[in-house]
PDB file of N, CA and C in Angstrom:
ATOM      1  N   UNK A   1      35.087  15.224   1.746  1.00  0.00           N
ATOM      2  CA  UNK A   1      34.050  15.256   2.787  1.00  0.00           C
ATOM      3  C   UNK A   1      32.708  15.306   2.114  1.00  0.00           C
ATOM      4  N   UNK A   2      32.550  16.037   1.032  1.00  0.00           N
ATOM      5  CA  UNK A   2      31.255  16.161   0.379  1.00  0.00           C
ATOM      6  C   UNK A   2      30.776  14.754  -0.127  1.00  0.00           C
ATOM      7  N   UNK A   3      31.705  13.957  -0.575  1.00  0.00           N
ATOM      8  CA  UNK A   3      31.333  12.636  -1.069  1.00  0.00           C
ATOM      9  C   UNK A   3      30.739  11.825   0.055  1.00  0.00           C
ATOM     10  N   UNK A   4      31.215  11.956   1.239  1.00  0.00           N
ATOM     11  CA  UNK A   4      30.655  11.254   2.395  1.00  0.00           C
ATOM     12  C   UNK A   4      29.167  11.690   2.621  1.00  0.00           C
ATOM     13  N   UNK A   5      28.956  13.002   2.525  1.00  0.00           N
ATOM     14  CA  UNK A   5      27.570  13.432   2.687  1.00  0.00           C
ATOM     15  C   UNK A   5      26.672  13.007   1.565  1.00  0.00           C
ATOM     16  N   UNK A   6      27.207  13.007   0.327  1.00  0.00           N
ATOM     17  CA  UNK A   6      26.395  12.529  -0.794  1.00  0.00           C
ATOM     18  C   UNK A   6      26.053  11.040  -0.596  1.00  0.00           C
ATOM     19  N   UNK A   7      27.036  10.232  -0.178  1.00  0.00           N
ATOM     20  CA  UNK A   7      26.762   8.819   0.047  1.00  0.00           C
ATOM     21  C   UNK A   7      25.703   8.656   1.194  1.00  0.00           C
ATOM     22  N   UNK A   8      25.798   9.447   2.212  1.00  0.00           N
ATOM     23  CA  UNK A   8      24.864   9.316   3.348  1.00  0.00           C
ATOM     24  C   UNK A   8      23.452   9.710   2.829  1.00  0.00           C
ATOM     25  N   UNK A   9      23.340  10.805   2.121  1.00  0.00           N
ATOM     26  CA  UNK A   9      22.014  11.222   1.568  1.00  0.00           C
ATOM     27  C   UNK A   9      21.501  10.216   0.544  1.00  0.00           C
ATOM     28  N   UNK A  10      22.360   9.632  -0.242  1.00  0.00           N
ATOM     29  CA  UNK A  10      21.920   8.568  -1.153  1.00  0.00           C
ATOM     30  C   UNK A  10      21.359   7.354  -0.380  1.00  0.00           C
ATOM     31  N   UNK A  11      21.988   7.004   0.708  1.00  0.00           N
ATOM     32  CA  UNK A  11      21.509   5.891   1.528  1.00  0.00           C
ATOM     33  C   UNK A  11      20.166   6.220   2.140  1.00  0.00           C
ATOM     34  N   UNK A  12      19.952   7.431   2.595  1.00  0.00           N
ATOM     35  CA  UNK A  12      18.687   7.877   3.189  1.00  0.00           C
ATOM     36  C   UNK A  12      17.574   7.842   2.124  1.00  0.00           C
ATOM     37  N   UNK A  13      17.903   8.304   0.904  1.00  0.00           N
ATOM     38  CA  UNK A  13      16.941   8.255  -0.151  1.00  0.00           C
ATOM     39  C   UNK A  13      16.586   6.815  -0.488  1.00  0.00           C
ATOM     40  N   UNK A  14      17.596   5.921  -0.574  1.00  0.00           N
ATOM     41  CA  UNK A  14      17.302   4.503  -0.830  1.00  0.00           C
ATOM     42  C   UNK A  14      16.471   3.901   0.268  1.00  0.00           C
ATOM     43  N   UNK A  15      16.750   4.292   1.548  1.00  0.00           N
ATOM     44  CA  UNK A  15      15.986   3.806   2.675  1.00  0.00           C
ATOM     45  C   UNK A  15      14.561   4.215   2.609  1.00  0.00           C
ATOM     46  N   UNK A  16      14.323   5.467   2.194  1.00  0.00           N
ATOM     47  CA  UNK A  16      12.961   5.969   2.026  1.00  0.00           C
ATOM     48  C   UNK A  16      12.254   5.248   0.910  1.00  0.00           C
ATOM     49  N   UNK A  17      13.000   4.969  -0.172  1.00  0.00           N
ATOM     50  CA  UNK A  17      12.342   4.228  -1.292  1.00  0.00           C
ATOM     51  C   UNK A  17      11.980   2.823  -0.838  1.00  0.00           C
ATOM     52  N   UNK A  18      12.844   2.196  -0.068  1.00  0.00           N
ATOM     53  CA  UNK A  18      12.540   0.858   0.452  1.00  0.00           C
ATOM     54  C   UNK A  18      11.258   0.795   1.262  1.00  0.00           C
ATOM     55  N   UNK A  19      11.046   1.822   2.117  1.00  0.00           N
ATOM     56  CA  UNK A  19       9.881   1.747   3.009  1.00  0.00           C
ATOM     57  C   UNK A  19       8.625   2.405   2.472  1.00  0.00           C
ATOM     58  N   UNK A  20       8.748   3.228   1.429  1.00  0.00           N
ATOM     59  CA  UNK A  20       7.541   3.867   0.918  1.00  0.00           C
ATOM     60  C   UNK A  20       7.037   3.156  -0.388  1.00  0.00           C
ATOM     61  N   UNK A  21       7.812   2.307  -0.969  1.00  0.00           N
ATOM     62  CA  UNK A  21       7.356   1.590  -2.169  1.00  0.00           C
ATOM     63  C   UNK A  21       6.975   0.158  -1.857  1.00  0.00           C
ATOM     64  N   UNK A  22       6.081  -0.406  -2.670  1.00  0.00           N
ATOM     65  CA  UNK A  22       5.680  -1.830  -2.412  1.00  0.00           C
ATOM     66  C   UNK A  22       6.786  -2.770  -2.758  1.00  0.00           C
ATOM     67  N   UNK A  23       6.639  -4.009  -2.273  1.00  0.00           N
ATOM     68  CA  UNK A  23       7.590  -5.089  -2.595  1.00  0.00           C
ATOM     69  C   UNK A  23       8.709  -5.202  -1.557  1.00  0.00           C
ATOM     70  N   UNK A  24       8.579  -4.606  -0.434  1.00  0.00           N
ATOM     71  CA  UNK A  24       9.645  -4.590   0.574  1.00  0.00           C
ATOM     72  C   UNK A  24      10.024  -6.013   1.024  1.00  0.00           C
ATOM     73  N   UNK A  25       9.057  -6.933   1.026  1.00  0.00           N
ATOM     74  CA  UNK A  25       9.285  -8.275   1.525  1.00  0.00           C
ATOM     75  C   UNK A  25      10.075  -9.140   0.489  1.00  0.00           C
ATOM     76  N   UNK A  26      10.284  -8.678  -0.691  1.00  0.00           N
ATOM     77  CA  UNK A  26      10.904  -9.449  -1.691  1.00  0.00           C
ATOM     78  C   UNK A  26      12.428  -9.274  -1.828  1.00  0.00           C
ATOM     79  N   UNK A  27      12.979  -8.415  -0.969  1.00  0.00           N
ATOM     80  CA  UNK A  27      14.366  -8.105  -1.056  1.00  0.00           C
ATOM     81  C   UNK A  27      15.003  -7.853   0.333  1.00  0.00           C
ATOM     82  N   UNK A  28      16.302  -7.870   0.365  1.00  0.00           N
ATOM     83  CA  UNK A  28      17.011  -7.692   1.618  1.00  0.00           C
ATOM     84  C   UNK A  28      16.877  -6.216   2.079  1.00  0.00           C
ATOM     85  N   UNK A  29      17.148  -6.027   3.352  1.00  0.00           N
ATOM     86  CA  UNK A  29      16.962  -4.727   3.912  1.00  0.00           C
ATOM     87  C   UNK A  29      18.013  -3.680   3.492  1.00  0.00           C
ATOM     88  N   UNK A  30      19.098  -4.099   2.957  1.00  0.00           N
ATOM     89  CA  UNK A  30      20.185  -3.203   2.629  1.00  0.00           C
ATOM     90  C   UNK A  30      20.296  -2.963   1.109  1.00  0.00           C
ATOM     91  N   UNK A  31      19.552  -3.729   0.323  1.00  0.00           N
ATOM     92  CA  UNK A  31      19.719  -3.661  -1.157  1.00  0.00           C
ATOM     93  C   UNK A  31      19.358  -2.266  -1.722  1.00  0.00           C
ATOM     94  N   UNK A  32      18.224  -1.768  -1.466  1.00  0.00           N
ATOM     95  CA  UNK A  32      17.802  -0.492  -2.048  1.00  0.00           C
ATOM     96  C   UNK A  32      18.562   0.689  -1.473  1.00  0.00           C
ATOM     97  N   UNK A  33      18.864   0.760  -0.150  1.00  0.00           N
ATOM     98  CA  UNK A  33      19.764   1.830   0.344  1.00  0.00           C
ATOM     99  C   UNK A  33      21.116   1.747  -0.288  1.00  0.00           C
ATOM    100  N   UNK A  34      21.657   0.562  -0.547  1.00  0.00           N
ATOM    101  CA  UNK A  34      22.943   0.426  -1.208  1.00  0.00           C
ATOM    102  C   UNK A  34      22.905   0.911  -2.648  1.00  0.00           C
ATOM    103  N   UNK A  35      21.783   0.649  -3.316  1.00  0.00           N
ATOM    104  CA  UNK A  35      21.661   1.179  -4.672  1.00  0.00           C
ATOM    105  C   UNK A  35      21.603   2.738  -4.700  1.00  0.00           C
ATOM    106  N   UNK A  36      20.912   3.326  -3.733  1.00  0.00           N
ATOM    107  CA  UNK A  36      20.943   4.804  -3.611  1.00  0.00           C
ATOM    108  C   UNK A  36      22.269   5.342  -3.293  1.00  0.00           C
ATOM    109  N   UNK A  37      23.046   4.665  -2.431  1.00  0.00           N
ATOM    110  CA  UNK A  37      24.368   5.095  -2.089  1.00  0.00           C
ATOM    111  C   UNK A  37      25.268   5.032  -3.290  1.00  0.00           C
ATOM    112  N   UNK A  38      25.275   3.949  -4.007  1.00  0.00           N
ATOM    113  CA  UNK A  38      26.163   3.726  -5.140  1.00  0.00           C
ATOM    114  C   UNK A  38      25.802   4.751  -6.262  1.00  0.00           C
ATOM    115  N   UNK A  39      24.513   4.897  -6.510  1.00  0.00           N
ATOM    116  CA  UNK A  39      24.117   5.826  -7.572  1.00  0.00           C
ATOM    117  C   UNK A  39      24.540   7.249  -7.308  1.00  0.00           C
ATOM    118  N   UNK A  40      24.285   7.718  -6.059  1.00  0.00           N
ATOM    119  CA  UNK A  40      24.652   9.090  -5.714  1.00  0.00           C
ATOM    120  C   UNK A  40      26.097   9.312  -5.782  1.00  0.00           C
ATOM    121  N   UNK A  41      26.883   8.336  -5.259  1.00  0.00           N
ATOM    122  CA  UNK A  41      28.323   8.453  -5.213  1.00  0.00           C
ATOM    123  C   UNK A  41      28.957   8.449  -6.622  1.00  0.00           C
ATOM    124  N   UNK A  42      28.425   7.521  -7.449  1.00  0.00           N
ATOM    125  CA  UNK A  42      28.969   7.349  -8.836  1.00  0.00           C
ATOM    126  C   UNK A  42      28.708   8.632  -9.659  1.00  0.00           C
ATOM    127  N   UNK A  43      27.490   9.157  -9.539  1.00  0.00           N
ATOM    128  CA  UNK A  43      27.145  10.369 -10.278  1.00  0.00           C
ATOM    129  C   UNK A  43      27.929  11.541  -9.756  1.00  0.00           C
ATOM    130  N   UNK A  44      28.144  11.666  -8.497  1.00  0.00           N
ATOM    131  CA  UNK A  44      28.902  12.739  -7.864  1.00  0.00           C
ATOM    132  C   UNK A  44      30.375  12.710  -8.382  1.00  0.00           C
ATOM    133  N   UNK A  45      30.969  11.554  -8.337  1.00  0.00           N
ATOM    134  CA  UNK A  45      32.322  11.405  -8.829  1.00  0.00           C
ATOM    135  C   UNK A  45      32.472  11.727 -10.298  1.00  0.00           C
ATOM    136  N   UNK A  46      31.473  11.218 -11.101  1.00  0.00           N
ATOM    137  CA  UNK A  46      31.498  11.527 -12.524  1.00  0.00           C
ATOM    138  C   UNK A  46      31.398  12.960 -12.840  1.00  0.00           C
ATOM    139  N   UNK A  47      30.504  13.657 -12.081  1.00  0.00           N
ATOM    140  CA  UNK A  47      30.316  15.079 -12.319  1.00  0.00           C
ATOM    141  C   UNK A  47      31.543  15.890 -11.860  1.00  0.00           C
ATOM    142  N   UNK A  48      32.184  15.458 -10.805  1.00  0.00           N
ATOM    143  CA  UNK A  48      33.383  16.218 -10.396  1.00  0.00           C
ATOM    144  C   UNK A  48      34.523  15.977 -11.410  1.00  0.00           C
ATOM    145  N   UNK A  49      34.585  14.803 -12.001  1.00  0.00           N
ATOM    146  CA  UNK A  49      35.586  14.603 -13.093  1.00  0.00           C
ATOM    147  C   UNK A  49      35.263  15.437 -14.286  1.00  0.00           C
ATOM    148  N   UNK A  50      33.989  15.754 -14.485  1.00  0.00           N
ATOM    149  CA  UNK A  50      33.617  16.642 -15.617  1.00  0.00           C
ATOM    150  C   UNK A  50      33.823  18.087 -15.301  1.00  0.00           C
ATOM    151  N   UNK A  51      34.212  18.380 -14.047  1.00  0.00           N
ATOM    152  CA  UNK A  51      34.562  19.747 -13.697  1.00  0.00           C
ATOM    153  C   UNK A  51      33.475  20.552 -13.003  1.00  0.00           C
ATOM    154  N   UNK A  52      32.383  19.851 -12.554  1.00  0.00           N
ATOM    155  CA  UNK A  52      31.324  20.573 -11.837  1.00  0.00           C
ATOM    156  C   UNK A  52      31.879  20.962 -10.445  1.00  0.00           C
ATOM    157  N   UNK A  53      31.472  22.150  -9.991  1.00  0.00           N
ATOM    158  CA  UNK A  53      31.928  22.693  -8.765  1.00  0.00           C
ATOM    159  C   UNK A  53      31.278  21.991  -7.585  1.00  0.00           C
ATOM    160  N   UNK A  54      32.057  21.581  -6.565  1.00  0.00           N
ATOM    161  CA  UNK A  54      31.533  20.898  -5.409  1.00  0.00           C
ATOM    162  C   UNK A  54      30.585  21.766  -4.618  1.00  0.00           C
ATOM    163  N   UNK A  55      30.850  23.060  -4.647  1.00  0.00           N
ATOM    164  CA  UNK A  55      30.017  23.968  -3.845  1.00  0.00           C
ATOM    165  C   UNK A  55      28.741  24.396  -4.591  1.00  0.00           C
ATOM    166  N   UNK A  56      28.659  24.016  -5.837  1.00  0.00           N
ATOM    167  CA  UNK A  56      27.485  24.389  -6.640  1.00  0.00           C
ATOM    168  C   UNK A  56      26.255  23.549  -6.229  1.00  0.00           C
ATOM    169  N   UNK A  57      25.086  24.095  -6.488  1.00  0.00           N
ATOM    170  CA  UNK A  57      23.894  23.407  -6.106  1.00  0.00           C
ATOM    171  C   UNK A  57      23.434  22.325  -7.090  1.00  0.00           C
ATOM    172  N   UNK A  58      23.865  22.538  -8.374  1.00  0.00           N
ATOM    173  CA  UNK A  58      23.437  21.560  -9.401  1.00  0.00           C
ATOM    174  C   UNK A  58      24.021  20.183  -9.221  1.00  0.00           C
ATOM    175  N   UNK A  59      25.222  20.063  -8.726  1.00  0.00           N
ATOM    176  CA  UNK A  59      25.845  18.765  -8.559  1.00  0.00           C
ATOM    177  C   UNK A  59      25.062  17.951  -7.491  1.00  0.00           C
ATOM    178  N   UNK A  60      24.568  18.680  -6.471  1.00  0.00           N
ATOM    179  CA  UNK A  60      23.772  18.030  -5.420  1.00  0.00           C
ATOM    180  C   UNK A  60      22.450  17.570  -5.971  1.00  0.00           C
ATOM    181  N   UNK A  61      21.780  18.430  -6.722  1.00  0.00           N
ATOM    182  CA  UNK A  61      20.454  18.029  -7.249  1.00  0.00           C
ATOM    183  C   UNK A  61      20.590  16.874  -8.221  1.00  0.00           C
ATOM    184  N   UNK A  62      21.528  16.896  -9.096  1.00  0.00           N
ATOM    185  CA  UNK A  62      21.688  15.874 -10.068  1.00  0.00           C
ATOM    186  C   UNK A  62      22.055  14.554  -9.393  1.00  0.00           C
ATOM    187  N   UNK A  63      23.002  14.600  -8.471  1.00  0.00           N
ATOM    188  CA  UNK A  63      23.457  13.391  -7.771  1.00  0.00           C
ATOM    189  C   UNK A  63      22.318  12.756  -6.953  1.00  0.00           C
ATOM    190  N   UNK A  64      21.650  13.588  -6.220  1.00  0.00           N
ATOM    191  CA  UNK A  64      20.604  13.017  -5.332  1.00  0.00           C
ATOM    192  C   UNK A  64      19.365  12.631  -6.164  1.00  0.00           C
ATOM    193  N   UNK A  65      19.114  13.388  -7.262  1.00  0.00           N
ATOM    194  CA  UNK A  65      18.042  12.962  -8.175  1.00  0.00           C
ATOM    195  C   UNK A  65      18.321  11.632  -8.830  1.00  0.00           C
ATOM    196  N   UNK A  66      19.557  11.411  -9.194  1.00  0.00           N
ATOM    197  CA  UNK A  66      19.977  10.098  -9.783  1.00  0.00           C
ATOM    198  C   UNK A  66      19.790   8.999  -8.737  1.00  0.00           C
ATOM    199  N   UNK A  67      20.127   9.270  -7.495  1.00  0.00           N
ATOM    200  CA  UNK A  67      19.933   8.285  -6.419  1.00  0.00           C
ATOM    201  C   UNK A  67      18.453   7.942  -6.262  1.00  0.00           C
ATOM    202  N   UNK A  68      17.622   8.981  -6.285  1.00  0.00           N
ATOM    203  CA  UNK A  68      16.159   8.737  -6.118  1.00  0.00           C
ATOM    204  C   UNK A  68      15.619   7.928  -7.311  1.00  0.00           C
ATOM    205  N   UNK A  69      16.010   8.300  -8.507  1.00  0.00           N
ATOM    206  CA  UNK A  69      15.536   7.631  -9.679  1.00  0.00           C
ATOM    207  C   UNK A  69      16.014   6.161  -9.685  1.00  0.00           C
ATOM    208  N   UNK A  70      17.286   5.930  -9.435  1.00  0.00           N
ATOM    209  CA  UNK A  70      17.811   4.564  -9.411  1.00  0.00           C
ATOM    210  C   UNK A  70      17.105   3.698  -8.322  1.00  0.00           C
ATOM    211  N   UNK A  71      16.923   4.282  -7.143  1.00  0.00           N
ATOM    212  CA  UNK A  71      16.316   3.579  -6.018  1.00  0.00           C
ATOM    213  C   UNK A  71      14.880   3.150  -6.387  1.00  0.00           C
ATOM    214  N   UNK A  72      14.110   4.089  -6.941  1.00  0.00           N
ATOM    215  CA  UNK A  72      12.725   3.820  -7.246  1.00  0.00           C
ATOM    216  C   UNK A  72      12.623   2.789  -8.363  1.00  0.00           C
ATOM    217  N   UNK A  73      13.283   3.061  -9.442  1.00  0.00           N
ATOM    218  CA  UNK A  73      13.194   2.164 -10.621  1.00  0.00           C
ATOM    219  C   UNK A  73      13.656   0.752 -10.284  1.00  0.00           C
ATOM    220  N   UNK A  74      14.844   0.652  -9.652  1.00  0.00           N
ATOM    221  CA  UNK A  74      15.341  -0.686  -9.377  1.00  0.00           C
ATOM    222  C   UNK A  74      14.553  -1.388  -8.306  1.00  0.00           C
ATOM    223  N   UNK A  75      13.986  -0.663  -7.345  1.00  0.00           N
ATOM    224  CA  UNK A  75      13.161  -1.283  -6.371  1.00  0.00           C
ATOM    225  C   UNK A  75      11.909  -1.864  -7.017  1.00  0.00           C
ATOM    226  N   UNK A  76      11.256  -1.139  -7.914  1.00  0.00           N
ATOM    227  CA  UNK A  76      10.103  -1.652  -8.611  1.00  0.00           C
ATOM    228  C   UNK A  76      10.434  -2.831  -9.524  1.00  0.00           C
ATOM    229  N   UNK A  77      11.564  -2.762 -10.239  1.00  0.00           N
ATOM    230  CA  UNK A  77      11.933  -3.826 -11.169  1.00  0.00           C
ATOM    231  C   UNK A  77      12.318  -5.087 -10.355  1.00  0.00           C
ATOM    232  N   UNK A  78      13.076  -4.909  -9.311  1.00  0.00           N
ATOM    233  CA  UNK A  78      13.534  -6.115  -8.609  1.00  0.00           C
ATOM    234  C   UNK A  78      12.394  -6.801  -7.908  1.00  0.00           C
ATOM    235  N   UNK A  79      11.486  -6.019  -7.277  1.00  0.00           N
ATOM    236  CA  UNK A  79      10.345  -6.630  -6.594  1.00  0.00           C
ATOM    237  C   UNK A  79       9.436  -7.310  -7.573  1.00  0.00           C
ATOM    238  N   UNK A  80       9.158  -6.728  -8.753  1.00  0.00           N
ATOM    239  CA  UNK A  80       8.320  -7.296  -9.743  1.00  0.00           C
ATOM    240  C   UNK A  80       8.895  -8.628 -10.274  1.00  0.00           C
ATOM    241  N   UNK A  81      10.187  -8.616 -10.552  1.00  0.00           N
ATOM    242  CA  UNK A  81      10.860  -9.829 -11.028  1.00  0.00           C
ATOM    243  C   UNK A  81      10.874 -10.914  -9.983  1.00  0.00           C
ATOM    244  N   UNK A  82      11.095 -10.555  -8.757  1.00  0.00           N
ATOM    245  CA  UNK A  82      11.148 -11.513  -7.659  1.00  0.00           C
ATOM    246  C   UNK A  82       9.765 -12.171  -7.423  1.00  0.00           C
ATOM    247  N   UNK A  83       8.724 -11.330  -7.445  1.00  0.00           N
ATOM    248  CA  UNK A  83       7.357 -11.889  -7.276  1.00  0.00           C
ATOM    249  C   UNK A  83       7.039 -12.861  -8.420  1.00  0.00           C
ATOM    250  N   UNK A  84       7.371 -12.473  -9.656  1.00  0.00           N
ATOM    251  CA  UNK A  84       7.140 -13.331 -10.792  1.00  0.00           C
ATOM    252  C   UNK A  84       7.913 -14.650 -10.686  1.00  0.00           C
ATOM    253  N   UNK A  85       9.180 -14.552 -10.287  1.00  0.00           N
ATOM    254  CA  UNK A  85      10.021 -15.770 -10.120  1.00  0.00           C
ATOM    255  C   UNK A  85       9.469 -16.677  -8.995  1.00  0.00           C
ATOM    256  N   UNK A  86       8.998 -16.088  -7.895  1.00  0.00           N
ATOM    257  CA  UNK A  86       8.407 -16.854  -6.841  1.00  0.00           C
ATOM    258  C   UNK A  86       7.153 -17.574  -7.251  1.00  0.00           C
ATOM    259  N   UNK A  87       6.325 -16.906  -8.055  1.00  0.00           N
ATOM    260  CA  UNK A  87       5.082 -17.524  -8.566  1.00  0.00           C
ATOM    261  C   UNK A  87       5.406 -18.682  -9.524  1.00  0.00           C
ATOM    262  N   UNK A  88       6.420 -18.530 -10.349  1.00  0.00           N
ATOM    263  CA  UNK A  88       6.827 -19.620 -11.263  1.00  0.00           C
ATOM    264  C   UNK A  88       7.336 -20.796 -10.427  1.00  0.00           C
ATOM    265  N   UNK A  89       8.147 -20.547  -9.399  1.00  0.00           N
ATOM    266  CA  UNK A  89       8.646 -21.609  -8.560  1.00  0.00           C
ATOM    267  C   UNK A  89       7.548 -22.327  -7.845  1.00  0.00           C
ATOM    268  N   UNK A  90       6.561 -21.591  -7.318  1.00  0.00           N
ATOM    269  CA  UNK A  90       5.418 -22.173  -6.650  1.00  0.00           C
ATOM    270  C   UNK A  90       4.635 -23.073  -7.599  1.00  0.00           C
ATOM    271  N   UNK A  91       4.429 -22.616  -8.786  1.00  0.00           N
ATOM    272  CA  UNK A  91       3.720 -23.476  -9.801  1.00  0.00           C
ATOM    273  C   UNK A  91       4.534 -24.738 -10.104  1.00  0.00           C
ATOM    274  N   UNK A  92       5.831 -24.599 -10.234  1.00  0.00           N
ATOM    275  CA  UNK A  92       6.632 -25.760 -10.563  1.00  0.00           C
ATOM    276  C   UNK A  92       6.663 -26.743  -9.362  1.00  0.00           C
ATOM    277  N   UNK A  93       6.738 -26.216  -8.160  1.00  0.00           N
ATOM    278  CA  UNK A  93       6.669 -27.100  -7.005  1.00  0.00           C
ATOM    279  C   UNK A  93       5.333 -27.800  -6.831  1.00  0.00           C
ATOM    280  N   UNK A  94       4.277 -27.065  -7.149  1.00  0.00           N
ATOM    281  CA  UNK A  94       2.915 -27.680  -7.008  1.00  0.00           C
ATOM    282  C   UNK A  94       2.723 -28.705  -8.042  1.00  0.00           C
ATOM    283  N   UNK A  95       3.322 -28.534  -9.228  1.00  0.00           N
ATOM    284  CA  UNK A  95       3.160 -29.489 -10.370  1.00  0.00           C
ATOM    285  C   UNK A  95       4.026 -30.723 -10.227  1.00  0.00           C
ATOM    286  N   UNK A  96       5.320 -30.526  -9.823  1.00  0.00           N
ATOM    287  CA  UNK A  96       6.267 -31.671  -9.838  1.00  0.00           C
ATOM    288  C   UNK A  96       6.674 -32.119  -8.426  1.00  0.00           C
ATOM    289  N   UNK A  97       6.630 -31.198  -7.472  1.00  0.00           N
ATOM    290  CA  UNK A  97       7.019 -31.492  -6.096  1.00  0.00           C
ATOM    291  C   UNK A  97       8.495 -31.333  -5.881  1.00  0.00           C
ATOM    292  N   UNK A  98       9.276 -30.939  -6.896  1.00  0.00           N
ATOM    293  CA  UNK A  98      10.696 -30.781  -6.800  1.00  0.00           C
ATOM    294  C   UNK A  98      11.160 -29.573  -7.624  1.00  0.00           C
ATOM    295  N   UNK A  99      12.048 -28.737  -7.110  1.00  0.00           N
ATOM    296  CA  UNK A  99      12.500 -27.591  -7.911  1.00  0.00           C
ATOM    297  C   UNK A  99      13.491 -27.956  -8.936  1.00  0.00           C
ATOM    298  N   UNK A 100      14.034 -29.183  -8.910  1.00  0.00           N
ATOM    299  CA  UNK A 100      15.038 -29.599  -9.888  1.00  0.00           C
ATOM    300  C   UNK A 100      14.449 -30.048 -11.212  1.00  0.00           C
ATOM    301  N   UNK A 101      13.171 -30.423 -11.233  1.00  0.00           N
ATOM    302  CA  UNK A 101      12.557 -30.908 -12.475  1.00  0.00           C
ATOM    303  C   UNK A 101      12.018 -29.722 -13.266  1.00  0.00           C
ATOM    304  N   UNK A 102      12.428 -29.653 -14.488  1.00  0.00           N
ATOM    305  CA  UNK A 102      11.969 -28.494 -15.317  1.00  0.00           C
ATOM    306  C   UNK A 102      10.986 -28.967 -16.336  1.00  0.00           C
TER     307      UNK A 102
END
């Protein structure tokens, strides 16, 4: 049951990162919340395998902190790379008129 709550909180953290950080228009609406969900769930499962107590506070802080860090970092990286790729494609299209010509 705790894993369900961790996944839900990870999705909420990812959703907050999507709407509070720049570059929202460069990615799908579910990408960053999915990143938060996967990061929180994976860290939670890893920490439970290492023997961390489910009722302890540290497992929550570490799992949700990892979700926040992954959501922020990957949101910034993905949006920056997408903007750069779009600019390159625009230059190529303006120069050649076709995306197939390199």
